[in-house]
Structures are given as structure tokens and as C-alpha cells.
Amino acid sequence: MPHYQSFDPNTEFTGQATLAFIKNINHREIESILKKHHLDTIDPSSWYKVQDILDVMSDISNEDDSSANFVSIGMAAGQLAVDRMTPEQRATTVESWLSAYADSMYDARHRGGGAGKLTLTKESDQHLIIHMNSPYPDDIMYGLFYAFVRALRPPGKGFVLRYDEESPRRDLGGSVTLIHVQIDP
């Protein structure tokens, strides 16, 4: 039984976002796993079973450098989305983008069933918390959000993303993963 399980066996994921498997900087390290699961060629206009994607991720999780590979895949997925942003979307704030992603974009990348839930809370103008109940590895989602924040933060501002140290992550048996996003004032 794979480590990562879809919440619904009918759920599919967009091919456009699945391209991150072959567009990430660590692609060569996971190439044999992608071939094993017949996902070494991705059609951006197709849909792929989430469980097939999670089976790849389960195999990656058995590798020594799984965290780096997952973050790399997530960052590639985020960059693919950033590259497709309209000028109006690129002018949005980190908070607005993450809120829209949690409210609708995450769901729009899936069809045929449930893929969990993302919510965003605001602690202050510089501190947001992403609440993730997702079947995907935490580090994939971390990479995704890192790419979004890096692209949309105010010019010249630094930022930090970190897992909540007080709440066990889903990958470690928790019910939800919390990622803190802090942008320099």
C-alpha cells in the first residue's frame, strides 16, 4: 500500500500542473520512478489520476533525497503557474494570491472527486498561515507556496516559510499541516 493515498479514487489532477515532474531541477533523480509509473511523458491538456501521481510520490519518499526532490517538484509546479499569470495576477499581493489559491484554484486543478482543503489565515499584514489537508507530501506543497511567495512578494522584501513547530504535520501523522509565511515589513 502506498504511503500517500488519494482521498477519493476518482480524483484527477491537471496535466499542466503534473508537468512539474519533468520540469523540476531534480528531474534526473526521479526519472526512473516516473518511467516505472508511465509518467515520464506528460500531456499538459490531459488529466491524471491523483493516486497514480501519489504512487510516484510514495516511491520518491523512499529515496534518500526525497525532501529535496519534493520541494523541487513543488517549486516547479509553482513556477509553471507563475509563468502563466496574467499581468493583473502578477500585480496581486501574496495574501490575495494565496487566498484565491486556497479558495478556488487548488480545487480547479482537480476534478472527479475531493482533494482535500486549503485555508489561509492572517495573523498580521506580514504573517499568513496556510492550513493544508491535502493528500500530497508536505514538502511538495511547501515548494509550491515558496515559488508563489518568491514571485509575488513586494520588491526587495525578504520572506520565510516554515512549518509550524507546535502542530504535527500530516506527513508525520497530524491531521493538518500548517505553513507560516512571513514577509519582511
N, C-alpha and C. Protein backbone atom coordinates (compact mmCIF):
# COMPACT_ATOMS: atom_id res chain seq x y z
N MET A 1 0.84 -1.18 0.00
CA MET A 1 0.00 0.00 0.00
C MET A 1 0.88 1.24 0.00
N PRO A 2 0.61 2.19 -0.91
CA PRO A 2 1.43 3.41 -0.99
C PRO A 2 1.33 4.24 0.28
N HIS A 3 2.38 4.94 0.54
CA HIS A 3 2.42 5.85 1.69
C HIS A 3 1.40 6.97 1.53
N TYR A 4 1.28 7.52 0.34
CA TYR A 4 0.34 8.62 0.09
C TYR A 4 -0.90 8.06 -0.58
N GLN A 5 -2.07 8.45 -0.05
CA GLN A 5 -3.34 7.93 -0.54
C GLN A 5 -4.27 9.08 -0.95
N SER A 6 -4.91 8.91 -2.08
CA SER A 6 -5.91 9.86 -2.52
C SER A 6 -7.11 9.81 -1.58
N PHE A 7 -7.74 10.94 -1.35
CA PHE A 7 -8.95 10.98 -0.53
C PHE A 7 -10.13 10.36 -1.26
N ASP A 8 -10.06 10.36 -2.60
CA ASP A 8 -11.13 9.83 -3.43
C ASP A 8 -10.49 9.17 -4.65
N PRO A 9 -10.76 7.89 -4.92
CA PRO A 9 -10.09 7.20 -6.03
C PRO A 9 -10.42 7.76 -7.41
N ASN A 10 -11.47 8.56 -7.52
CA ASN A 10 -11.86 9.12 -8.81
C ASN A 10 -11.23 10.47 -9.12
N THR A 11 -10.53 11.03 -8.17
CA THR A 11 -9.98 12.37 -8.35
C THR A 11 -8.85 12.36 -9.37
N GLU A 12 -8.89 13.37 -10.23
CA GLU A 12 -7.84 13.55 -11.24
C GLU A 12 -7.20 14.93 -11.05
N PHE A 13 -5.98 15.04 -11.58
CA PHE A 13 -5.18 16.25 -11.45
C PHE A 13 -4.80 16.71 -12.85
N THR A 14 -4.78 18.02 -13.06
CA THR A 14 -4.50 18.57 -14.38
C THR A 14 -3.08 18.23 -14.86
N GLY A 15 -2.97 17.93 -16.13
CA GLY A 15 -1.67 17.65 -16.72
C GLY A 15 -0.74 18.84 -16.69
N GLN A 16 -1.30 20.05 -16.81
CA GLN A 16 -0.48 21.26 -16.78
C GLN A 16 0.35 21.31 -15.50
N ALA A 17 -0.27 21.00 -14.37
CA ALA A 17 0.47 21.02 -13.10
C ALA A 17 1.34 19.78 -12.95
N THR A 18 0.94 18.66 -13.55
CA THR A 18 1.73 17.42 -13.48
C THR A 18 3.06 17.58 -14.21
N LEU A 19 3.14 18.55 -15.12
CA LEU A 19 4.40 18.82 -15.83
C LEU A 19 5.56 19.07 -14.87
N ALA A 20 5.25 19.46 -13.64
CA ALA A 20 6.29 19.73 -12.65
C ALA A 20 7.19 18.52 -12.44
N PHE A 21 6.68 17.31 -12.67
CA PHE A 21 7.50 16.10 -12.54
C PHE A 21 8.70 16.14 -13.50
N ILE A 22 8.48 16.68 -14.69
CA ILE A 22 9.55 16.66 -15.68
C ILE A 22 10.21 18.03 -15.88
N LYS A 23 9.67 19.06 -15.24
CA LYS A 23 10.22 20.41 -15.38
C LYS A 23 11.04 20.85 -14.17
N ASN A 24 11.16 20.02 -13.14
CA ASN A 24 11.88 20.44 -11.94
C ASN A 24 13.38 20.20 -12.10
N ILE A 25 14.17 20.89 -11.29
CA ILE A 25 15.63 20.82 -11.44
C ILE A 25 16.20 19.46 -11.01
N ASN A 26 15.45 18.68 -10.27
CA ASN A 26 15.91 17.35 -9.86
C ASN A 26 15.30 16.23 -10.70
N HIS A 27 14.81 16.57 -11.87
CA HIS A 27 14.13 15.61 -12.73
C HIS A 27 14.91 14.31 -12.93
N ARG A 28 16.19 14.43 -13.18
CA ARG A 28 17.01 13.23 -13.45
C ARG A 28 17.02 12.25 -12.27
N GLU A 29 16.89 12.78 -11.06
CA GLU A 29 16.91 11.91 -9.88
C GLU A 29 15.64 11.08 -9.74
N ILE A 30 14.55 11.51 -10.36
CA ILE A 30 13.29 10.78 -10.25
C ILE A 30 12.84 10.16 -11.58
N GLU A 31 13.67 10.30 -12.60
CA GLU A 31 13.31 9.84 -13.94
C GLU A 31 12.93 8.36 -13.99
N SER A 32 13.68 7.52 -13.30
CA SER A 32 13.37 6.08 -13.34
C SER A 32 12.04 5.78 -12.65
N ILE A 33 11.72 6.53 -11.60
CA ILE A 33 10.43 6.34 -10.92
C ILE A 33 9.29 6.77 -11.84
N LEU A 34 9.46 7.87 -12.54
CA LEU A 34 8.44 8.33 -13.48
C LEU A 34 8.22 7.29 -14.58
N LYS A 35 9.30 6.72 -15.10
CA LYS A 35 9.18 5.69 -16.14
C LYS A 35 8.44 4.47 -15.60
N LYS A 36 8.78 4.05 -14.40
CA LYS A 36 8.13 2.90 -13.77
C LYS A 36 6.61 3.07 -13.73
N HIS A 37 6.16 4.30 -13.49
CA HIS A 37 4.73 4.59 -13.36
C HIS A 37 4.12 5.17 -14.64
N HIS A 38 4.88 5.13 -15.73
CA HIS A 38 4.42 5.61 -17.03
C HIS A 38 4.02 7.09 -17.00
N LEU A 39 4.75 7.88 -16.22
CA LEU A 39 4.52 9.32 -16.15
C LEU A 39 5.77 10.10 -16.57
N ASP A 40 6.59 9.49 -17.42
CA ASP A 40 7.79 10.17 -17.90
C ASP A 40 7.49 11.10 -19.07
N THR A 41 6.30 10.99 -19.62
CA THR A 41 5.80 11.90 -20.65
C THR A 41 4.46 12.42 -20.16
N ILE A 42 4.33 13.73 -20.09
CA ILE A 42 3.12 14.35 -19.56
C ILE A 42 2.47 15.20 -20.66
N ASP A 43 1.18 15.01 -20.85
CA ASP A 43 0.40 15.83 -21.77
C ASP A 43 -0.28 16.92 -20.95
N PRO A 44 0.08 18.19 -21.13
CA PRO A 44 -0.48 19.24 -20.29
C PRO A 44 -1.99 19.40 -20.44
N SER A 45 -2.57 18.90 -21.52
CA SER A 45 -4.02 19.03 -21.71
C SER A 45 -4.79 17.83 -21.17
N SER A 46 -4.10 16.84 -20.65
CA SER A 46 -4.76 15.65 -20.10
C SER A 46 -4.97 15.78 -18.61
N TRP A 47 -5.69 14.82 -18.06
CA TRP A 47 -5.90 14.70 -16.62
C TRP A 47 -5.32 13.37 -16.18
N TYR A 48 -4.75 13.35 -14.98
CA TYR A 48 -4.10 12.15 -14.46
C TYR A 48 -4.70 11.79 -13.10
N LYS A 49 -4.89 10.50 -12.88
CA LYS A 49 -5.41 10.04 -11.59
C LYS A 49 -4.49 10.52 -10.47
N VAL A 50 -5.06 11.11 -9.45
CA VAL A 50 -4.27 11.57 -8.31
C VAL A 50 -3.53 10.40 -7.68
N GLN A 51 -4.18 9.23 -7.60
CA GLN A 51 -3.50 8.10 -6.97
C GLN A 51 -2.26 7.68 -7.76
N ASP A 52 -2.30 7.78 -9.09
CA ASP A 52 -1.10 7.47 -9.89
C ASP A 52 0.03 8.44 -9.55
N ILE A 53 -0.32 9.72 -9.39
CA ILE A 53 0.67 10.72 -9.02
C ILE A 53 1.20 10.45 -7.62
N LEU A 54 0.31 10.07 -6.72
CA LEU A 54 0.72 9.78 -5.34
C LEU A 54 1.57 8.51 -5.27
N ASP A 55 1.35 7.57 -6.17
CA ASP A 55 2.19 6.37 -6.21
C ASP A 55 3.63 6.76 -6.56
N VAL A 56 3.79 7.69 -7.49
CA VAL A 56 5.12 8.20 -7.82
C VAL A 56 5.73 8.86 -6.58
N MET A 57 4.93 9.67 -5.91
CA MET A 57 5.43 10.38 -4.73
C MET A 57 5.77 9.41 -3.60
N SER A 58 5.02 8.33 -3.49
CA SER A 58 5.34 7.31 -2.48
C SER A 58 6.70 6.68 -2.76
N ASP A 59 6.97 6.40 -4.03
CA ASP A 59 8.28 5.84 -4.38
C ASP A 59 9.39 6.87 -4.13
N ILE A 60 9.13 8.12 -4.46
CA ILE A 60 10.12 9.16 -4.20
C ILE A 60 10.41 9.26 -2.71
N SER A 61 9.38 9.07 -1.90
CA SER A 61 9.56 9.20 -0.44
C SER A 61 10.50 8.15 0.12
N ASN A 62 10.74 7.08 -0.62
CA ASN A 62 11.67 6.03 -0.19
C ASN A 62 13.12 6.34 -0.55
N GLU A 63 13.35 7.41 -1.28
CA GLU A 63 14.69 7.80 -1.69
C GLU A 63 15.35 8.65 -0.61
N ASP A 64 16.68 8.63 -0.56
CA ASP A 64 17.43 9.39 0.45
C ASP A 64 17.18 10.89 0.37
N ASP A 65 17.02 11.43 -0.82
CA ASP A 65 16.88 12.87 -1.00
C ASP A 65 15.44 13.27 -1.33
N SER A 66 14.48 12.56 -0.72
CA SER A 66 13.08 12.79 -1.06
C SER A 66 12.62 14.22 -0.75
N SER A 67 13.04 14.79 0.35
CA SER A 67 12.61 16.14 0.70
C SER A 67 13.04 17.14 -0.37
N ALA A 68 14.30 17.07 -0.79
CA ALA A 68 14.79 17.99 -1.83
C ALA A 68 14.04 17.77 -3.14
N ASN A 69 13.76 16.51 -3.47
CA ASN A 69 13.03 16.23 -4.71
C ASN A 69 11.60 16.74 -4.62
N PHE A 70 10.95 16.56 -3.47
CA PHE A 70 9.58 17.06 -3.32
C PHE A 70 9.54 18.59 -3.40
N VAL A 71 10.43 19.27 -2.70
CA VAL A 71 10.45 20.73 -2.76
C VAL A 71 10.71 21.19 -4.19
N SER A 72 11.60 20.51 -4.89
CA SER A 72 11.90 20.86 -6.28
C SER A 72 10.66 20.71 -7.17
N ILE A 73 9.92 19.63 -6.99
CA ILE A 73 8.69 19.41 -7.77
C ILE A 73 7.67 20.50 -7.45
N GLY A 74 7.51 20.80 -6.16
CA GLY A 74 6.57 21.85 -5.77
C GLY A 74 6.95 23.20 -6.33
N MET A 75 8.24 23.53 -6.28
CA MET A 75 8.69 24.81 -6.82
C MET A 75 8.46 24.87 -8.33
N ALA A 76 8.68 23.76 -9.01
CA ALA A 76 8.43 23.73 -10.45
C ALA A 76 6.94 23.93 -10.74
N ALA A 77 6.07 23.30 -9.96
CA ALA A 77 4.63 23.48 -10.14
C ALA A 77 4.25 24.95 -9.92
N GLY A 78 4.80 25.55 -8.87
CA GLY A 78 4.52 26.96 -8.61
C GLY A 78 5.02 27.85 -9.73
N GLN A 79 6.23 27.57 -10.22
CA GLN A 79 6.80 28.39 -11.30
C GLN A 79 5.99 28.24 -12.59
N LEU A 80 5.50 27.03 -12.86
CA LEU A 80 4.64 26.85 -14.04
C LEU A 80 3.40 27.73 -13.94
N ALA A 81 2.83 27.83 -12.74
CA ALA A 81 1.66 28.69 -12.54
C ALA A 81 2.04 30.17 -12.67
N VAL A 82 3.17 30.54 -12.09
CA VAL A 82 3.64 31.93 -12.16
C VAL A 82 3.86 32.32 -13.63
N ASP A 83 4.46 31.43 -14.40
CA ASP A 83 4.74 31.72 -15.80
C ASP A 83 3.46 31.94 -16.61
N ARG A 84 2.35 31.39 -16.16
CA ARG A 84 1.07 31.53 -16.87
C ARG A 84 0.22 32.68 -16.35
N MET A 85 0.72 33.40 -15.34
CA MET A 85 -0.04 34.51 -14.75
C MET A 85 -0.20 35.65 -15.74
N THR A 86 -1.37 36.27 -15.69
CA THR A 86 -1.61 37.48 -16.47
C THR A 86 -0.91 38.65 -15.76
N PRO A 87 -0.71 39.76 -16.44
CA PRO A 87 -0.12 40.93 -15.76
C PRO A 87 -0.92 41.35 -14.53
N GLU A 88 -2.25 41.24 -14.61
CA GLU A 88 -3.08 41.60 -13.45
C GLU A 88 -2.81 40.65 -12.28
N GLN A 89 -2.66 39.37 -12.56
CA GLN A 89 -2.37 38.41 -11.49
C GLN A 89 -0.99 38.66 -10.89
N ARG A 90 -0.03 39.01 -11.71
CA ARG A 90 1.33 39.29 -11.20
C ARG A 90 1.36 40.52 -10.32
N ALA A 91 0.37 41.39 -10.47
CA ALA A 91 0.31 42.61 -9.67
C ALA A 91 -0.40 42.40 -8.33
N THR A 92 -0.90 41.21 -8.08
CA THR A 92 -1.63 40.93 -6.84
C THR A 92 -0.69 40.78 -5.66
N THR A 93 -1.23 40.79 -4.48
CA THR A 93 -0.43 40.60 -3.27
C THR A 93 -0.28 39.11 -2.98
N VAL A 94 0.70 38.79 -2.17
CA VAL A 94 0.87 37.40 -1.73
C VAL A 94 -0.40 36.93 -1.05
N GLU A 95 -0.94 37.74 -0.16
CA GLU A 95 -2.15 37.35 0.57
C GLU A 95 -3.31 37.08 -0.38
N SER A 96 -3.53 37.97 -1.34
CA SER A 96 -4.64 37.78 -2.29
C SER A 96 -4.47 36.50 -3.11
N TRP A 97 -3.24 36.27 -3.58
CA TRP A 97 -2.99 35.08 -4.39
C TRP A 97 -3.19 33.80 -3.57
N LEU A 98 -2.59 33.76 -2.38
CA LEU A 98 -2.71 32.55 -1.55
C LEU A 98 -4.16 32.32 -1.14
N SER A 99 -4.88 33.39 -0.88
CA SER A 99 -6.29 33.26 -0.53
C SER A 99 -7.09 32.70 -1.71
N ALA A 100 -6.86 33.22 -2.90
CA ALA A 100 -7.54 32.72 -4.09
C ALA A 100 -7.14 31.28 -4.39
N TYR A 101 -5.87 30.96 -4.19
CA TYR A 101 -5.42 29.59 -4.42
C TYR A 101 -6.13 28.65 -3.47
N ALA A 102 -6.20 29.01 -2.19
CA ALA A 102 -6.86 28.16 -1.20
C ALA A 102 -8.37 28.07 -1.46
N ASP A 103 -8.98 29.18 -1.85
CA ASP A 103 -10.43 29.22 -2.01
C ASP A 103 -10.93 28.53 -3.28
N SER A 104 -10.16 28.62 -4.37
CA SER A 104 -10.69 28.07 -5.62
C SER A 104 -9.68 27.43 -6.56
N MET A 105 -8.48 27.97 -6.64
CA MET A 105 -7.52 27.45 -7.62
C MET A 105 -7.09 26.02 -7.32
N TYR A 106 -6.88 25.70 -6.06
CA TYR A 106 -6.48 24.34 -5.69
C TYR A 106 -7.55 23.35 -6.18
N ASP A 107 -8.81 23.65 -5.91
CA ASP A 107 -9.89 22.77 -6.35
C ASP A 107 -9.98 22.69 -7.87
N ALA A 108 -9.71 23.81 -8.55
CA ALA A 108 -9.80 23.85 -10.02
C ALA A 108 -8.75 22.98 -10.70
N ARG A 109 -7.69 22.63 -9.98
CA ARG A 109 -6.65 21.77 -10.53
C ARG A 109 -7.00 20.28 -10.38
N HIS A 110 -8.17 20.03 -9.83
CA HIS A 110 -8.65 18.67 -9.60
C HIS A 110 -10.06 18.52 -10.19
N ARG A 111 -10.41 17.28 -10.52
CA ARG A 111 -11.78 17.01 -10.94
C ARG A 111 -12.13 15.57 -10.55
N GLY A 112 -13.42 15.29 -10.49
CA GLY A 112 -13.89 13.93 -10.28
C GLY A 112 -13.94 13.47 -8.84
N GLY A 113 -13.57 14.31 -7.91
CA GLY A 113 -13.60 13.91 -6.50
C GLY A 113 -12.85 14.90 -5.64
N GLY A 114 -12.80 14.62 -4.37
CA GLY A 114 -12.19 15.53 -3.42
C GLY A 114 -10.68 15.38 -3.34
N ALA A 115 -10.01 16.50 -3.12
CA ALA A 115 -8.55 16.51 -2.98
C ALA A 115 -8.13 17.23 -1.72
N GLY A 116 -9.03 17.29 -0.75
CA GLY A 116 -8.69 17.95 0.49
C GLY A 116 -9.07 19.40 0.49
N LYS A 117 -8.55 20.12 1.45
CA LYS A 117 -8.92 21.52 1.64
C LYS A 117 -7.72 22.34 2.09
N LEU A 118 -7.60 23.53 1.53
CA LEU A 118 -6.60 24.50 1.96
C LEU A 118 -7.34 25.72 2.48
N THR A 119 -6.85 26.30 3.55
CA THR A 119 -7.40 27.56 4.05
C THR A 119 -6.22 28.47 4.42
N LEU A 120 -6.51 29.74 4.45
CA LEU A 120 -5.49 30.74 4.77
C LEU A 120 -6.01 31.59 5.91
N THR A 121 -5.17 31.79 6.92
CA THR A 121 -5.50 32.73 7.99
C THR A 121 -4.44 33.81 8.02
N LYS A 122 -4.86 34.98 8.48
CA LYS A 122 -3.97 36.13 8.54
C LYS A 122 -3.70 36.47 9.99
N GLU A 123 -2.45 36.36 10.37
CA GLU A 123 -2.03 36.74 11.73
C GLU A 123 -1.72 38.23 11.79
N SER A 124 -1.15 38.76 10.71
CA SER A 124 -0.84 40.19 10.58
C SER A 124 -0.59 40.46 9.10
N ASP A 125 -0.31 41.71 8.77
CA ASP A 125 -0.04 42.04 7.36
C ASP A 125 1.18 41.30 6.82
N GLN A 126 2.10 40.92 7.70
CA GLN A 126 3.31 40.23 7.27
C GLN A 126 3.32 38.74 7.63
N HIS A 127 2.25 38.23 8.22
CA HIS A 127 2.27 36.84 8.70
C HIS A 127 0.95 36.14 8.34
N LEU A 128 1.07 35.16 7.44
CA LEU A 128 -0.06 34.34 7.00
C LEU A 128 0.21 32.90 7.39
N ILE A 129 -0.86 32.13 7.57
CA ILE A 129 -0.71 30.71 7.86
C ILE A 129 -1.58 29.92 6.87
N ILE A 130 -0.94 28.99 6.18
CA ILE A 130 -1.64 28.11 5.25
C ILE A 130 -1.95 26.82 6.02
N HIS A 131 -3.22 26.44 6.03
CA HIS A 131 -3.68 25.21 6.67
C HIS A 131 -3.95 24.21 5.55
N MET A 132 -3.23 23.09 5.56
CA MET A 132 -3.32 22.13 4.46
C MET A 132 -3.83 20.77 4.94
N ASN A 133 -4.91 20.33 4.33
CA ASN A 133 -5.37 18.96 4.47
C ASN A 133 -5.39 18.42 3.04
N SER A 134 -4.25 17.95 2.62
CA SER A 134 -4.01 17.58 1.23
C SER A 134 -3.37 16.19 1.19
N PRO A 135 -3.65 15.41 0.15
CA PRO A 135 -3.01 14.09 0.07
C PRO A 135 -1.55 14.15 -0.35
N TYR A 136 -1.09 15.31 -0.77
CA TYR A 136 0.26 15.44 -1.30
C TYR A 136 1.29 15.59 -0.18
N PRO A 137 2.54 15.20 -0.45
CA PRO A 137 3.59 15.38 0.55
C PRO A 137 3.71 16.85 0.96
N ASP A 138 3.94 17.06 2.23
CA ASP A 138 4.07 18.42 2.75
C ASP A 138 5.12 19.22 1.99
N ASP A 139 6.25 18.59 1.68
CA ASP A 139 7.35 19.32 1.02
C ASP A 139 7.00 19.74 -0.40
N ILE A 140 6.10 19.02 -1.06
CA ILE A 140 5.64 19.46 -2.39
C ILE A 140 4.87 20.76 -2.24
N MET A 141 3.96 20.79 -1.27
CA MET A 141 3.16 21.99 -1.06
C MET A 141 4.03 23.15 -0.58
N TYR A 142 5.01 22.86 0.26
CA TYR A 142 5.95 23.88 0.72
C TYR A 142 6.65 24.51 -0.50
N GLY A 143 7.15 23.69 -1.41
CA GLY A 143 7.82 24.20 -2.61
C GLY A 143 6.89 25.04 -3.47
N LEU A 144 5.65 24.59 -3.61
CA LEU A 144 4.65 25.33 -4.38
C LEU A 144 4.45 26.73 -3.81
N PHE A 145 4.22 26.79 -2.50
CA PHE A 145 3.97 28.09 -1.87
C PHE A 145 5.22 28.95 -1.84
N TYR A 146 6.38 28.34 -1.72
CA TYR A 146 7.64 29.09 -1.77
C TYR A 146 7.75 29.81 -3.12
N ALA A 147 7.46 29.09 -4.21
CA ALA A 147 7.54 29.70 -5.54
C ALA A 147 6.55 30.85 -5.68
N PHE A 148 5.34 30.68 -5.15
CA PHE A 148 4.35 31.76 -5.23
C PHE A 148 4.82 32.99 -4.46
N VAL A 149 5.27 32.78 -3.22
CA VAL A 149 5.68 33.92 -2.39
C VAL A 149 6.91 34.60 -2.99
N ARG A 150 7.86 33.82 -3.47
CA ARG A 150 9.06 34.40 -4.09
C ARG A 150 8.68 35.30 -5.26
N ALA A 151 7.71 34.89 -6.06
CA ALA A 151 7.33 35.66 -7.25
C ALA A 151 6.48 36.88 -6.93
N LEU A 152 5.67 36.81 -5.87
CA LEU A 152 4.67 37.85 -5.63
C LEU A 152 4.97 38.78 -4.45
N ARG A 153 6.03 38.51 -3.71
CA ARG A 153 6.35 39.37 -2.56
C ARG A 153 6.67 40.78 -3.06
N PRO A 154 6.50 41.77 -2.20
CA PRO A 154 6.85 43.13 -2.61
C PRO A 154 8.32 43.20 -3.01
N PRO A 155 8.64 44.01 -4.02
CA PRO A 155 10.04 44.11 -4.47
C PRO A 155 10.98 44.45 -3.32
N GLY A 156 12.09 43.74 -3.27
CA GLY A 156 13.10 43.99 -2.27
C GLY A 156 12.82 43.42 -0.89
N LYS A 157 11.69 42.76 -0.70
CA LYS A 157 11.33 42.21 0.61
C LYS A 157 11.77 40.75 0.72
N GLY A 158 12.34 40.41 1.87
CA GLY A 158 12.67 39.03 2.16
C GLY A 158 11.45 38.30 2.70
N PHE A 159 11.56 37.00 2.79
CA PHE A 159 10.44 36.21 3.30
C PHE A 159 10.96 34.90 3.87
N VAL A 160 10.14 34.28 4.70
CA VAL A 160 10.44 32.98 5.29
C VAL A 160 9.18 32.14 5.25
N LEU A 161 9.31 30.90 4.86
CA LEU A 161 8.25 29.91 5.00
C LEU A 161 8.76 28.87 5.99
N ARG A 162 7.91 28.47 6.92
CA ARG A 162 8.32 27.45 7.88
C ARG A 162 7.11 26.65 8.33
N TYR A 163 7.38 25.39 8.62
CA TYR A 163 6.34 24.54 9.19
C TYR A 163 6.10 24.97 10.63
N ASP A 164 4.87 24.82 11.08
CA ASP A 164 4.53 25.11 12.47
C ASP A 164 5.16 24.05 13.36
N GLU A 165 5.94 24.48 14.32
CA GLU A 165 6.65 23.55 15.20
C GLU A 165 5.76 22.97 16.30
N GLU A 166 4.61 23.58 16.54
CA GLU A 166 3.72 23.15 17.61
C GLU A 166 2.66 22.16 17.14
N SER A 167 2.48 22.04 15.84
CA SER A 167 1.43 21.20 15.28
C SER A 167 2.05 20.11 14.41
N PRO A 168 1.78 18.83 14.71
CA PRO A 168 2.36 17.77 13.89
C PRO A 168 1.85 17.84 12.44
N ARG A 169 2.76 17.76 11.52
CA ARG A 169 2.42 17.80 10.09
C ARG A 169 1.69 16.52 9.67
N ARG A 170 0.95 16.60 8.57
CA ARG A 170 0.26 15.41 8.04
C ARG A 170 1.25 14.30 7.73
N ASP A 171 2.40 14.65 7.15
CA ASP A 171 3.40 13.64 6.83
C ASP A 171 3.90 12.90 8.07
N LEU A 172 3.70 13.51 9.24
CA LEU A 172 4.16 12.92 10.49
C LEU A 172 3.00 12.46 11.37
N GLY A 173 1.83 12.29 10.75
CA GLY A 173 0.67 11.75 11.46
C GLY A 173 -0.34 12.77 11.93
N GLY A 174 -0.10 14.05 11.72
CA GLY A 174 -1.05 15.09 12.12
C GLY A 174 -2.24 15.14 11.18
N SER A 175 -3.26 15.88 11.59
CA SER A 175 -4.46 15.98 10.76
C SER A 175 -4.39 17.11 9.73
N VAL A 176 -3.52 18.07 9.98
CA VAL A 176 -3.36 19.21 9.08
C VAL A 176 -1.91 19.70 9.18
N THR A 177 -1.40 20.20 8.08
CA THR A 177 -0.07 20.80 8.07
C THR A 177 -0.23 22.31 8.01
N LEU A 178 0.51 23.00 8.87
CA LEU A 178 0.49 24.46 8.89
C LEU A 178 1.83 24.99 8.39
N ILE A 179 1.75 25.89 7.42
CA ILE A 179 2.94 26.58 6.92
C ILE A 179 2.78 28.07 7.20
N HIS A 180 3.74 28.61 7.93
CA HIS A 180 3.76 30.04 8.22
C HIS A 180 4.50 30.76 7.10
N VAL A 181 3.90 31.83 6.62
CA VAL A 181 4.51 32.69 5.60
C VAL A 181 4.74 34.04 6.26
N GLN A 182 6.00 34.44 6.34
CA GLN A 182 6.32 35.73 6.94
C GLN A 182 7.14 36.55 5.95
N ILE A 183 6.65 37.76 5.70
CA ILE A 183 7.29 38.67 4.74
C ILE A 183 7.84 39.84 5.53
N ASP A 184 9.06 40.23 5.22
CA ASP A 184 9.68 41.36 5.92
C ASP A 184 8.81 42.60 5.81
N PRO A 185 8.73 43.37 6.93
CA PRO A 185 7.93 44.62 6.89
C PRO A 185 8.58 45.67 6.00
